[in-house]
Amino acid sequence: MQFEDGDGDQVLVGWAEIARYMGRGVRTVQRWHDTLGLPITRPAQRRRGAVMARRSRIDQWLQSLPLRNTGNGQETHGPGGVR
């Protein structure tokens, strides 16, 4: 269930949607949040429950990570060769 915020940025709702956008599994994306600071938000700053993320913040986060070799002669930003 994607929607746009007041600034026109797409908001991804739920771990599954965030993982789908990033091309990874839910557990991987949750681990990146816990260990690498993937920017997600929770309503009312709850520790558990619903999560949301802005696509632009995810993209900025990926670009801020060091380049890594994907093994096929290309380099990409992100852990584990994120696209």
Protein backbone atom coordinates (compact mmCIF):
# COMPACT_ATOMS: atom_id res chain seq x y z
CA MET A 1 0.00 0.00 0.00
CA GLN A 2 2.05 2.89 -1.29
CA PHE A 3 0.95 6.46 -0.95
CA GLU A 4 2.50 9.89 -1.34
CA ASP A 5 3.20 12.22 1.53
CA GLY A 6 2.58 15.97 1.39
CA ASP A 7 5.89 16.48 -0.44
CA GLY A 8 5.03 14.04 -3.22
CA ASP A 9 7.45 11.39 -1.92
CA GLN A 10 6.21 7.80 -2.09
CA VAL A 11 5.80 6.11 1.27
CA LEU A 12 6.20 2.34 1.58
CA VAL A 13 4.12 0.69 4.29
CA GLY A 14 5.18 -2.56 5.95
CA TRP A 15 8.30 -4.68 5.88
CA ALA A 16 7.15 -6.67 2.85
CA GLU A 17 6.65 -3.57 0.71
CA ILE A 18 9.99 -2.07 1.78
CA ALA A 19 11.74 -5.38 1.04
CA ARG A 20 10.05 -5.65 -2.37
CA TYR A 21 11.18 -2.13 -3.28
CA MET A 22 14.76 -2.99 -2.29
CA GLY A 23 14.70 -6.37 -4.04
CA ARG A 24 15.54 -8.27 -0.86
CA GLY A 25 13.81 -10.47 1.73
CA VAL A 26 11.97 -9.12 4.75
CA ARG A 27 14.48 -10.53 7.26
CA THR A 28 17.39 -8.99 5.34
CA VAL A 29 15.74 -5.56 5.36
CA GLN A 30 14.94 -5.88 9.08
CA ARG A 31 18.56 -6.83 9.77
CA TRP A 32 19.80 -3.81 7.77
CA HIS A 33 17.53 -1.60 9.88
CA ASP A 34 18.91 -3.07 13.11
CA THR A 35 22.59 -3.21 12.15
CA LEU A 36 23.14 -0.60 9.44
CA GLY A 37 20.51 2.03 10.21
CA LEU A 38 18.12 1.58 7.27
CA PRO A 39 15.78 4.57 7.76
CA ILE A 40 12.31 3.40 8.69
CA THR A 41 9.75 5.05 10.94
CA ARG A 42 7.11 3.67 13.25
CA PRO A 43 3.86 5.42 14.13
CA ALA A 44 4.09 6.94 17.61
CA GLN A 45 7.71 5.70 17.81
CA ARG A 46 6.58 2.26 18.99
CA ARG A 47 9.19 -0.41 19.28
CA ARG A 48 7.07 -3.01 17.46
CA GLY A 49 4.26 -2.96 14.97
CA ALA A 50 3.73 -1.06 11.74
CA VAL A 51 6.67 0.43 9.85
CA MET A 52 6.91 2.96 7.04
CA ALA A 53 9.74 4.30 4.89
CA ARG A 54 10.05 7.05 2.31
CA ARG A 55 11.49 5.86 -1.00
CA SER A 56 13.71 8.94 -1.24
CA ARG A 57 15.24 8.25 2.20
CA ILE A 58 15.93 4.62 1.26
CA ASP A 59 17.57 5.76 -1.97
CA GLN A 60 19.69 8.33 -0.10
CA TRP A 61 20.68 5.69 2.46
CA LEU A 62 21.76 3.30 -0.30
CA GLN A 63 23.80 6.02 -2.01
CA SER A 64 25.55 6.87 1.26
CA LEU A 65 26.92 3.33 1.63
CA PRO A 66 30.34 2.47 0.21
CA LEU A 67 30.63 1.02 -3.28
CA ARG A 68 31.16 -2.71 -3.47
CA ASN A 69 32.01 -5.05 -6.30
CA THR A 70 29.08 -7.25 -7.35
CA GLY A 71 31.35 -9.95 -8.76
CA ASN A 72 30.39 -9.37 -12.38
CA GLY A 73 32.71 -6.43 -12.96
CA GLN A 74 30.22 -3.82 -11.79
CA GLU A 75 30.11 -1.76 -8.63
CA THR A 76 27.01 -0.86 -6.68
CA HIS A 77 26.10 0.94 -3.48
CA GLY A 78 24.80 -0.98 -0.52
CA PRO A 79 25.24 -4.11 1.52
CA GLY A 80 25.09 -7.36 -0.36
CA GLY A 81 24.91 -5.73 -3.79
CA VAL A 82 21.62 -3.88 -3.36
CA ARG A 83 20.19 -2.62 -6.62
